[in-house]
């Protein structure tokens, strides 16, 4: 509890942000055909497509300045997070990608889309160590 409210933890990618859609767009460029979010069958994007050089291509795009900033918000996510903020103290727990721009752009993205200050953003890979009353994440091992 914090300030008399439960602490709520939210992942960012593919919880409030359409990261897979951005990755699918990058994969489409490489493959010369349209890849949709629905075409991704596992949590690990790259295991859905066994194409040589695809993982490197997608990660190269993700490393580009502005890639993280350009990701779409899921429809209804802003309204849903606002409602959660009324009943809980919300923190975003997100694993940083190995890009020089990612951590800064992630904080900017959360501020511009959800009005979240940097003190409400926890960037770490060991999310299972972060504690709250509830945690929404798309990767089961983090829960």
N, C-alpha and C. Protein backbone atom coordinates (compact mmCIF):
# COMPACT_ATOMS: atom_id res chain seq x y z
N UNK A 1 0.85 -1.18 0.00
CA UNK A 1 0.00 0.00 0.00
C UNK A 1 0.89 1.24 0.00
N UNK A 2 0.40 2.25 -0.68
CA UNK A 2 1.11 3.52 -0.73
C UNK A 2 0.04 4.62 -0.74
N UNK A 3 0.16 5.56 0.18
CA UNK A 3 -0.84 6.63 0.29
C UNK A 3 -2.24 6.07 0.47
N UNK A 4 -2.34 4.94 1.15
CA UNK A 4 -3.64 4.33 1.42
C UNK A 4 -4.24 3.59 0.24
N UNK A 5 -3.51 3.46 -0.84
CA UNK A 5 -4.01 2.77 -2.04
C UNK A 5 -3.11 1.57 -2.36
N UNK A 6 -3.67 0.55 -3.03
CA UNK A 6 -2.83 -0.56 -3.47
C UNK A 6 -1.86 -0.09 -4.56
N UNK A 7 -0.69 -0.73 -4.61
CA UNK A 7 0.30 -0.43 -5.63
C UNK A 7 0.03 -1.33 -6.83
N UNK A 8 -0.18 -0.70 -7.97
CA UNK A 8 -0.41 -1.43 -9.21
C UNK A 8 0.78 -1.29 -10.14
N UNK A 9 1.22 -2.40 -10.68
CA UNK A 9 2.36 -2.42 -11.57
C UNK A 9 1.90 -2.82 -12.97
N UNK A 10 2.30 -2.06 -13.96
CA UNK A 10 1.94 -2.36 -15.34
C UNK A 10 3.18 -2.46 -16.20
N UNK A 11 3.26 -3.52 -16.97
CA UNK A 11 4.27 -3.62 -18.01
C UNK A 11 3.86 -2.63 -19.09
N UNK A 12 4.73 -2.34 -20.01
CA UNK A 12 4.42 -1.39 -21.08
C UNK A 12 4.19 -2.12 -22.40
N UNK A 13 5.23 -2.81 -22.90
CA UNK A 13 5.13 -3.43 -24.21
C UNK A 13 4.10 -4.54 -24.24
N UNK A 14 3.14 -4.37 -25.13
CA UNK A 14 2.05 -5.31 -25.37
C UNK A 14 1.12 -5.48 -24.18
N UNK A 15 1.15 -4.47 -23.29
CA UNK A 15 0.14 -4.31 -22.25
C UNK A 15 -0.59 -3.00 -22.50
N UNK A 16 0.14 -1.90 -22.61
CA UNK A 16 -0.46 -0.61 -22.97
C UNK A 16 0.08 -0.08 -24.31
N UNK A 17 1.13 -0.69 -24.81
CA UNK A 17 1.83 -0.23 -26.00
C UNK A 17 1.92 -1.37 -27.02
N UNK A 18 1.71 -1.07 -28.27
CA UNK A 18 1.69 -2.08 -29.33
C UNK A 18 3.09 -2.33 -29.90
N UNK A 19 3.95 -2.90 -29.09
CA UNK A 19 5.32 -3.18 -29.50
C UNK A 19 5.36 -4.24 -30.60
N UNK A 20 4.57 -5.30 -30.46
CA UNK A 20 4.56 -6.35 -31.48
C UNK A 20 4.12 -5.79 -32.83
N UNK A 21 3.22 -4.84 -32.82
CA UNK A 21 2.81 -4.23 -34.09
C UNK A 21 3.99 -3.51 -34.74
N UNK A 22 4.79 -2.80 -33.96
CA UNK A 22 5.97 -2.15 -34.49
C UNK A 22 6.99 -3.14 -35.02
N UNK A 23 7.16 -4.25 -34.29
CA UNK A 23 8.09 -5.29 -34.73
C UNK A 23 7.57 -5.95 -36.00
N UNK A 24 6.26 -6.17 -36.08
CA UNK A 24 5.67 -6.77 -37.27
C UNK A 24 5.86 -5.88 -38.49
N UNK A 25 5.77 -4.59 -38.29
CA UNK A 25 5.99 -3.65 -39.39
C UNK A 25 7.43 -3.75 -39.89
N UNK A 26 8.39 -3.83 -38.96
CA UNK A 26 9.79 -3.97 -39.35
C UNK A 26 10.02 -5.30 -40.06
N UNK A 27 9.37 -6.36 -39.60
CA UNK A 27 9.49 -7.68 -40.24
C UNK A 27 8.88 -7.65 -41.64
N UNK A 28 7.78 -6.93 -41.80
CA UNK A 28 7.14 -6.81 -43.11
C UNK A 28 8.09 -6.21 -44.13
N UNK A 29 8.84 -5.19 -43.71
CA UNK A 29 9.82 -4.56 -44.60
C UNK A 29 10.83 -5.59 -45.11
N UNK A 30 11.31 -6.41 -44.19
CA UNK A 30 12.34 -7.40 -44.53
C UNK A 30 11.78 -8.52 -45.40
N UNK A 31 10.57 -8.98 -45.09
CA UNK A 31 10.00 -10.13 -45.79
C UNK A 31 9.27 -9.78 -47.07
N UNK A 32 8.97 -8.50 -47.25
CA UNK A 32 8.26 -8.09 -48.46
C UNK A 32 6.80 -8.52 -48.48
N UNK A 33 6.25 -8.78 -47.32
CA UNK A 33 4.82 -9.13 -47.19
C UNK A 33 4.33 -8.60 -45.85
N UNK A 34 3.05 -8.44 -45.73
CA UNK A 34 2.47 -7.87 -44.52
C UNK A 34 2.44 -8.89 -43.39
N UNK A 35 3.02 -8.52 -42.28
CA UNK A 35 2.95 -9.32 -41.05
C UNK A 35 2.06 -8.55 -40.08
N UNK A 36 1.11 -9.24 -39.49
CA UNK A 36 0.19 -8.63 -38.53
C UNK A 36 0.48 -9.13 -37.12
N UNK A 37 0.00 -8.41 -36.13
CA UNK A 37 0.16 -8.85 -34.74
C UNK A 37 -0.39 -10.27 -34.56
N UNK A 38 -1.47 -10.58 -35.25
CA UNK A 38 -2.10 -11.90 -35.13
C UNK A 38 -1.21 -13.02 -35.65
N UNK A 39 -0.23 -12.69 -36.49
CA UNK A 39 0.68 -13.69 -37.04
C UNK A 39 1.74 -14.13 -36.02
N UNK A 40 1.86 -13.41 -34.93
CA UNK A 40 2.84 -13.74 -33.90
C UNK A 40 2.19 -14.75 -32.95
N UNK A 41 2.75 -15.94 -32.90
CA UNK A 41 2.11 -17.04 -32.17
C UNK A 41 2.72 -17.34 -30.81
N UNK A 42 3.88 -16.75 -30.49
CA UNK A 42 4.52 -17.00 -29.21
C UNK A 42 4.90 -15.67 -28.57
N UNK A 43 5.23 -15.71 -27.27
CA UNK A 43 5.66 -14.49 -26.61
C UNK A 43 6.91 -13.94 -27.29
N UNK A 44 7.82 -14.81 -27.68
CA UNK A 44 9.06 -14.40 -28.34
C UNK A 44 8.79 -14.17 -29.83
N UNK A 45 8.72 -12.92 -30.22
CA UNK A 45 8.40 -12.54 -31.60
C UNK A 45 9.20 -13.34 -32.61
N UNK A 46 10.49 -13.49 -32.38
CA UNK A 46 11.39 -14.08 -33.37
C UNK A 46 11.15 -15.58 -33.57
N UNK A 47 10.56 -16.25 -32.59
CA UNK A 47 10.28 -17.68 -32.73
C UNK A 47 9.08 -17.93 -33.64
N UNK A 48 8.31 -16.89 -33.92
CA UNK A 48 7.16 -17.04 -34.82
C UNK A 48 7.59 -17.09 -36.29
N UNK A 49 8.80 -16.62 -36.56
CA UNK A 49 9.28 -16.54 -37.93
C UNK A 49 10.72 -17.05 -37.98
N UNK A 50 10.91 -18.18 -38.59
CA UNK A 50 12.24 -18.76 -38.69
C UNK A 50 12.87 -18.32 -40.02
N UNK A 51 13.22 -17.04 -40.09
CA UNK A 51 13.79 -16.48 -41.31
C UNK A 51 15.17 -15.93 -40.98
N UNK A 52 16.16 -16.39 -41.71
CA UNK A 52 17.54 -15.95 -41.46
C UNK A 52 17.65 -14.44 -41.63
N UNK A 53 18.25 -13.81 -40.63
CA UNK A 53 18.49 -12.37 -40.67
C UNK A 53 17.32 -11.51 -40.22
N UNK A 54 16.15 -12.13 -39.97
CA UNK A 54 14.98 -11.34 -39.58
C UNK A 54 15.15 -10.73 -38.20
N UNK A 55 15.62 -11.51 -37.25
CA UNK A 55 15.80 -10.98 -35.89
C UNK A 55 16.74 -9.79 -35.89
N UNK A 56 17.85 -9.90 -36.60
CA UNK A 56 18.82 -8.81 -36.67
C UNK A 56 18.20 -7.56 -37.31
N UNK A 57 17.40 -7.78 -38.36
CA UNK A 57 16.76 -6.65 -39.05
C UNK A 57 15.79 -5.93 -38.12
N UNK A 58 14.94 -6.69 -37.44
CA UNK A 58 13.95 -6.09 -36.53
C UNK A 58 14.66 -5.35 -35.39
N UNK A 59 15.67 -5.98 -34.81
CA UNK A 59 16.37 -5.32 -33.71
C UNK A 59 17.14 -4.09 -34.18
N UNK A 60 17.63 -4.11 -35.40
CA UNK A 60 18.28 -2.91 -35.95
C UNK A 60 17.28 -1.76 -36.04
N UNK A 61 16.06 -2.06 -36.48
CA UNK A 61 15.01 -1.03 -36.53
C UNK A 61 14.67 -0.52 -35.13
N UNK A 62 14.59 -1.45 -34.17
CA UNK A 62 14.25 -1.07 -32.80
C UNK A 62 15.34 -0.21 -32.16
N UNK A 63 16.55 -0.32 -32.65
CA UNK A 63 17.66 0.49 -32.15
C UNK A 63 17.64 1.92 -32.68
N UNK A 64 16.87 2.17 -33.72
CA UNK A 64 16.85 3.50 -34.34
C UNK A 64 16.21 4.53 -33.41
N UNK A 65 16.77 5.73 -33.45
CA UNK A 65 16.21 6.83 -32.67
C UNK A 65 14.77 7.07 -33.13
N UNK A 66 13.88 7.20 -32.17
CA UNK A 66 12.47 7.47 -32.47
C UNK A 66 11.59 6.24 -32.56
N UNK A 67 12.19 5.05 -32.65
CA UNK A 67 11.36 3.85 -32.79
C UNK A 67 10.44 3.66 -31.59
N UNK A 68 11.00 3.76 -30.41
CA UNK A 68 10.21 3.58 -29.18
C UNK A 68 9.14 4.68 -29.05
N UNK A 69 9.51 5.89 -29.41
CA UNK A 69 8.57 7.02 -29.32
C UNK A 69 7.38 6.87 -30.26
N UNK A 70 7.58 6.17 -31.37
CA UNK A 70 6.53 6.05 -32.39
C UNK A 70 5.56 4.90 -32.15
N UNK A 71 5.77 4.12 -31.11
CA UNK A 71 4.88 2.99 -30.86
C UNK A 71 3.47 3.48 -30.50
N UNK A 72 2.48 2.72 -30.94
CA UNK A 72 1.08 3.07 -30.70
C UNK A 72 0.63 2.64 -29.31
N UNK A 73 -0.31 3.38 -28.78
CA UNK A 73 -0.98 3.00 -27.54
C UNK A 73 -2.14 2.08 -27.92
N UNK A 74 -2.36 1.02 -27.13
CA UNK A 74 -3.53 0.18 -27.37
C UNK A 74 -4.81 0.99 -27.19
N UNK A 75 -5.79 0.76 -28.05
CA UNK A 75 -7.07 1.44 -27.87
C UNK A 75 -7.64 1.17 -26.47
N UNK A 76 -8.06 2.21 -25.80
CA UNK A 76 -8.65 2.09 -24.47
C UNK A 76 -7.64 2.08 -23.33
N UNK A 77 -6.35 2.01 -23.65
CA UNK A 77 -5.33 1.92 -22.60
C UNK A 77 -5.27 3.20 -21.77
N UNK A 78 -5.35 4.35 -22.40
CA UNK A 78 -5.26 5.61 -21.66
C UNK A 78 -6.41 5.71 -20.67
N UNK A 79 -7.60 5.41 -21.12
CA UNK A 79 -8.77 5.48 -20.23
C UNK A 79 -8.67 4.44 -19.11
N UNK A 80 -8.21 3.24 -19.45
CA UNK A 80 -8.06 2.19 -18.46
C UNK A 80 -7.04 2.54 -17.39
N UNK A 81 -5.92 3.09 -17.81
CA UNK A 81 -4.88 3.47 -16.85
C UNK A 81 -5.38 4.61 -15.96
N UNK A 82 -6.10 5.56 -16.53
CA UNK A 82 -6.66 6.65 -15.72
C UNK A 82 -7.57 6.10 -14.62
N UNK A 83 -8.40 5.11 -14.96
CA UNK A 83 -9.29 4.51 -13.97
C UNK A 83 -8.48 3.77 -12.89
N UNK A 84 -7.43 3.08 -13.31
CA UNK A 84 -6.56 2.41 -12.33
C UNK A 84 -5.91 3.42 -11.40
N UNK A 85 -5.53 4.57 -11.94
CA UNK A 85 -4.87 5.61 -11.13
C UNK A 85 -5.82 6.20 -10.09
N UNK A 86 -7.11 6.10 -10.32
CA UNK A 86 -8.08 6.59 -9.34
C UNK A 86 -8.14 5.69 -8.11
N UNK A 87 -7.88 4.40 -8.30
CA UNK A 87 -8.04 3.45 -7.20
C UNK A 87 -6.72 2.85 -6.71
N UNK A 88 -5.61 3.16 -7.40
CA UNK A 88 -4.32 2.60 -7.00
C UNK A 88 -3.18 3.54 -7.37
N UNK A 89 -2.03 3.28 -6.80
CA UNK A 89 -0.81 4.00 -7.15
C UNK A 89 -0.13 3.19 -8.25
N UNK A 90 -0.17 3.71 -9.47
CA UNK A 90 0.30 2.96 -10.63
C UNK A 90 1.77 3.27 -10.93
N UNK A 91 2.53 2.21 -11.14
CA UNK A 91 3.92 2.30 -11.59
C UNK A 91 4.07 1.45 -12.84
N UNK A 92 4.87 1.91 -13.78
CA UNK A 92 5.15 1.15 -14.99
C UNK A 92 6.48 0.44 -14.80
N UNK A 93 6.48 -0.86 -15.00
CA UNK A 93 7.69 -1.68 -14.85
C UNK A 93 8.01 -2.23 -16.24
N UNK A 94 9.12 -1.80 -16.80
CA UNK A 94 9.43 -2.13 -18.18
C UNK A 94 10.89 -2.53 -18.33
N UNK A 95 11.13 -3.54 -19.14
CA UNK A 95 12.51 -3.99 -19.39
C UNK A 95 13.08 -3.15 -20.53
N UNK A 96 14.21 -2.51 -20.30
CA UNK A 96 14.79 -1.68 -21.35
C UNK A 96 15.41 -2.54 -22.46
N UNK A 97 15.22 -2.12 -23.68
CA UNK A 97 15.86 -2.75 -24.84
C UNK A 97 17.29 -2.23 -24.91
N UNK A 98 18.18 -2.98 -25.52
CA UNK A 98 19.59 -2.58 -25.58
C UNK A 98 19.85 -1.55 -26.69
N UNK A 99 19.20 -0.43 -26.56
CA UNK A 99 19.36 0.68 -27.50
C UNK A 99 19.75 1.92 -26.70
N UNK A 100 20.59 2.73 -27.28
CA UNK A 100 21.00 3.94 -26.55
C UNK A 100 19.84 4.91 -26.34
N UNK A 101 18.78 4.77 -27.11
CA UNK A 101 17.65 5.71 -27.03
C UNK A 101 16.49 5.19 -26.19
N UNK A 102 16.43 3.88 -25.97
CA UNK A 102 15.24 3.24 -25.44
C UNK A 102 14.78 3.79 -24.10
N UNK A 103 15.64 3.85 -23.11
CA UNK A 103 15.21 4.23 -21.76
C UNK A 103 14.68 5.67 -21.73
N UNK A 104 15.38 6.56 -22.38
CA UNK A 104 14.93 7.95 -22.43
C UNK A 104 13.61 8.06 -23.19
N UNK A 105 13.53 7.42 -24.34
CA UNK A 105 12.31 7.48 -25.15
C UNK A 105 11.14 6.81 -24.45
N UNK A 106 11.39 5.75 -23.70
CA UNK A 106 10.30 5.07 -22.97
C UNK A 106 9.70 6.02 -21.94
N UNK A 107 10.56 6.74 -21.20
CA UNK A 107 10.04 7.71 -20.22
C UNK A 107 9.25 8.80 -20.93
N UNK A 108 9.76 9.30 -22.06
CA UNK A 108 9.05 10.33 -22.83
C UNK A 108 7.70 9.79 -23.31
N UNK A 109 7.68 8.57 -23.82
CA UNK A 109 6.46 7.95 -24.34
C UNK A 109 5.42 7.84 -23.23
N UNK A 110 5.83 7.38 -22.05
CA UNK A 110 4.89 7.24 -20.94
C UNK A 110 4.38 8.60 -20.48
N UNK A 111 5.23 9.60 -20.46
CA UNK A 111 4.79 10.94 -20.07
C UNK A 111 3.81 11.51 -21.08
N UNK A 112 4.13 11.41 -22.36
CA UNK A 112 3.26 12.02 -23.38
C UNK A 112 1.93 11.28 -23.53
N UNK A 113 1.90 9.98 -23.27
CA UNK A 113 0.67 9.22 -23.44
C UNK A 113 -0.15 9.06 -22.16
N UNK A 114 0.54 9.02 -21.00
CA UNK A 114 -0.16 8.75 -19.75
C UNK A 114 0.09 9.80 -18.67
N UNK A 115 0.91 10.81 -18.97
CA UNK A 115 1.21 11.85 -17.99
C UNK A 115 2.02 11.33 -16.82
N UNK A 116 2.78 10.27 -17.01
CA UNK A 116 3.53 9.62 -15.95
C UNK A 116 4.92 10.23 -15.83
N UNK A 117 5.24 10.70 -14.63
CA UNK A 117 6.57 11.23 -14.37
C UNK A 117 7.58 10.10 -14.22
N UNK A 118 8.84 10.43 -14.36
CA UNK A 118 9.92 9.44 -14.30
C UNK A 118 9.95 8.65 -13.00
N UNK A 119 9.45 9.23 -11.91
CA UNK A 119 9.49 8.52 -10.63
C UNK A 119 8.45 7.39 -10.57
N UNK A 120 7.62 7.26 -11.61
CA UNK A 120 6.64 6.18 -11.69
C UNK A 120 7.04 5.14 -12.74
N UNK A 121 8.29 5.24 -13.23
CA UNK A 121 8.79 4.31 -14.25
C UNK A 121 9.97 3.54 -13.67
N UNK A 122 9.83 2.22 -13.64
CA UNK A 122 10.89 1.35 -13.16
C UNK A 122 11.39 0.54 -14.36
N UNK A 123 12.64 0.77 -14.74
CA UNK A 123 13.20 0.05 -15.87
C UNK A 123 14.16 -1.01 -15.35
N UNK A 124 13.79 -2.27 -15.53
CA UNK A 124 14.62 -3.37 -15.05
C UNK A 124 14.28 -4.65 -15.80
N UNK A 125 15.22 -5.58 -15.79
CA UNK A 125 14.99 -6.87 -16.42
C UNK A 125 14.43 -7.90 -15.42
N UNK A 126 14.73 -7.74 -14.16
CA UNK A 126 14.28 -8.69 -13.14
C UNK A 126 12.98 -8.19 -12.51
N UNK A 127 11.95 -8.15 -13.31
CA UNK A 127 10.67 -7.60 -12.86
C UNK A 127 10.07 -8.36 -11.69
N UNK A 128 10.38 -9.63 -11.58
CA UNK A 128 9.82 -10.44 -10.50
C UNK A 128 10.24 -9.93 -9.12
N UNK A 129 11.26 -9.08 -9.07
CA UNK A 129 11.71 -8.53 -7.80
C UNK A 129 10.90 -7.30 -7.37
N UNK A 130 10.14 -6.71 -8.28
CA UNK A 130 9.35 -5.52 -7.98
C UNK A 130 8.02 -5.98 -7.39
N UNK A 131 7.63 -5.39 -6.29
CA UNK A 131 6.43 -5.83 -5.57
C UNK A 131 5.32 -4.79 -5.59
N UNK A 132 4.11 -5.29 -5.73
CA UNK A 132 2.91 -4.48 -5.67
C UNK A 132 1.74 -5.39 -5.37
N UNK A 133 0.57 -4.81 -5.23
CA UNK A 133 -0.63 -5.61 -4.97
C UNK A 133 -1.12 -6.31 -6.23
N UNK A 134 -0.84 -5.73 -7.40
CA UNK A 134 -1.15 -6.42 -8.66
C UNK A 134 -0.13 -6.02 -9.71
N UNK A 135 0.07 -6.93 -10.68
CA UNK A 135 1.05 -6.71 -11.74
C UNK A 135 0.49 -7.28 -13.03
N UNK A 136 0.40 -6.45 -14.06
CA UNK A 136 -0.09 -6.88 -15.37
C UNK A 136 1.10 -6.93 -16.32
N UNK A 137 1.38 -8.10 -16.84
CA UNK A 137 2.52 -8.29 -17.75
C UNK A 137 2.14 -9.36 -18.75
N UNK A 138 2.71 -9.29 -19.94
CA UNK A 138 2.42 -10.31 -20.96
C UNK A 138 3.38 -11.48 -20.93
N UNK A 139 4.40 -11.43 -20.09
CA UNK A 139 5.38 -12.51 -19.98
C UNK A 139 5.21 -13.20 -18.64
N UNK A 140 4.74 -14.42 -18.66
CA UNK A 140 4.39 -15.14 -17.45
C UNK A 140 5.54 -15.25 -16.47
N UNK A 141 6.77 -15.44 -16.96
CA UNK A 141 7.89 -15.62 -16.02
C UNK A 141 8.13 -14.39 -15.16
N UNK A 142 7.61 -13.22 -15.56
CA UNK A 142 7.77 -12.01 -14.76
C UNK A 142 6.79 -11.94 -13.59
N UNK A 143 5.77 -12.76 -13.64
CA UNK A 143 4.71 -12.67 -12.62
C UNK A 143 4.98 -13.58 -11.43
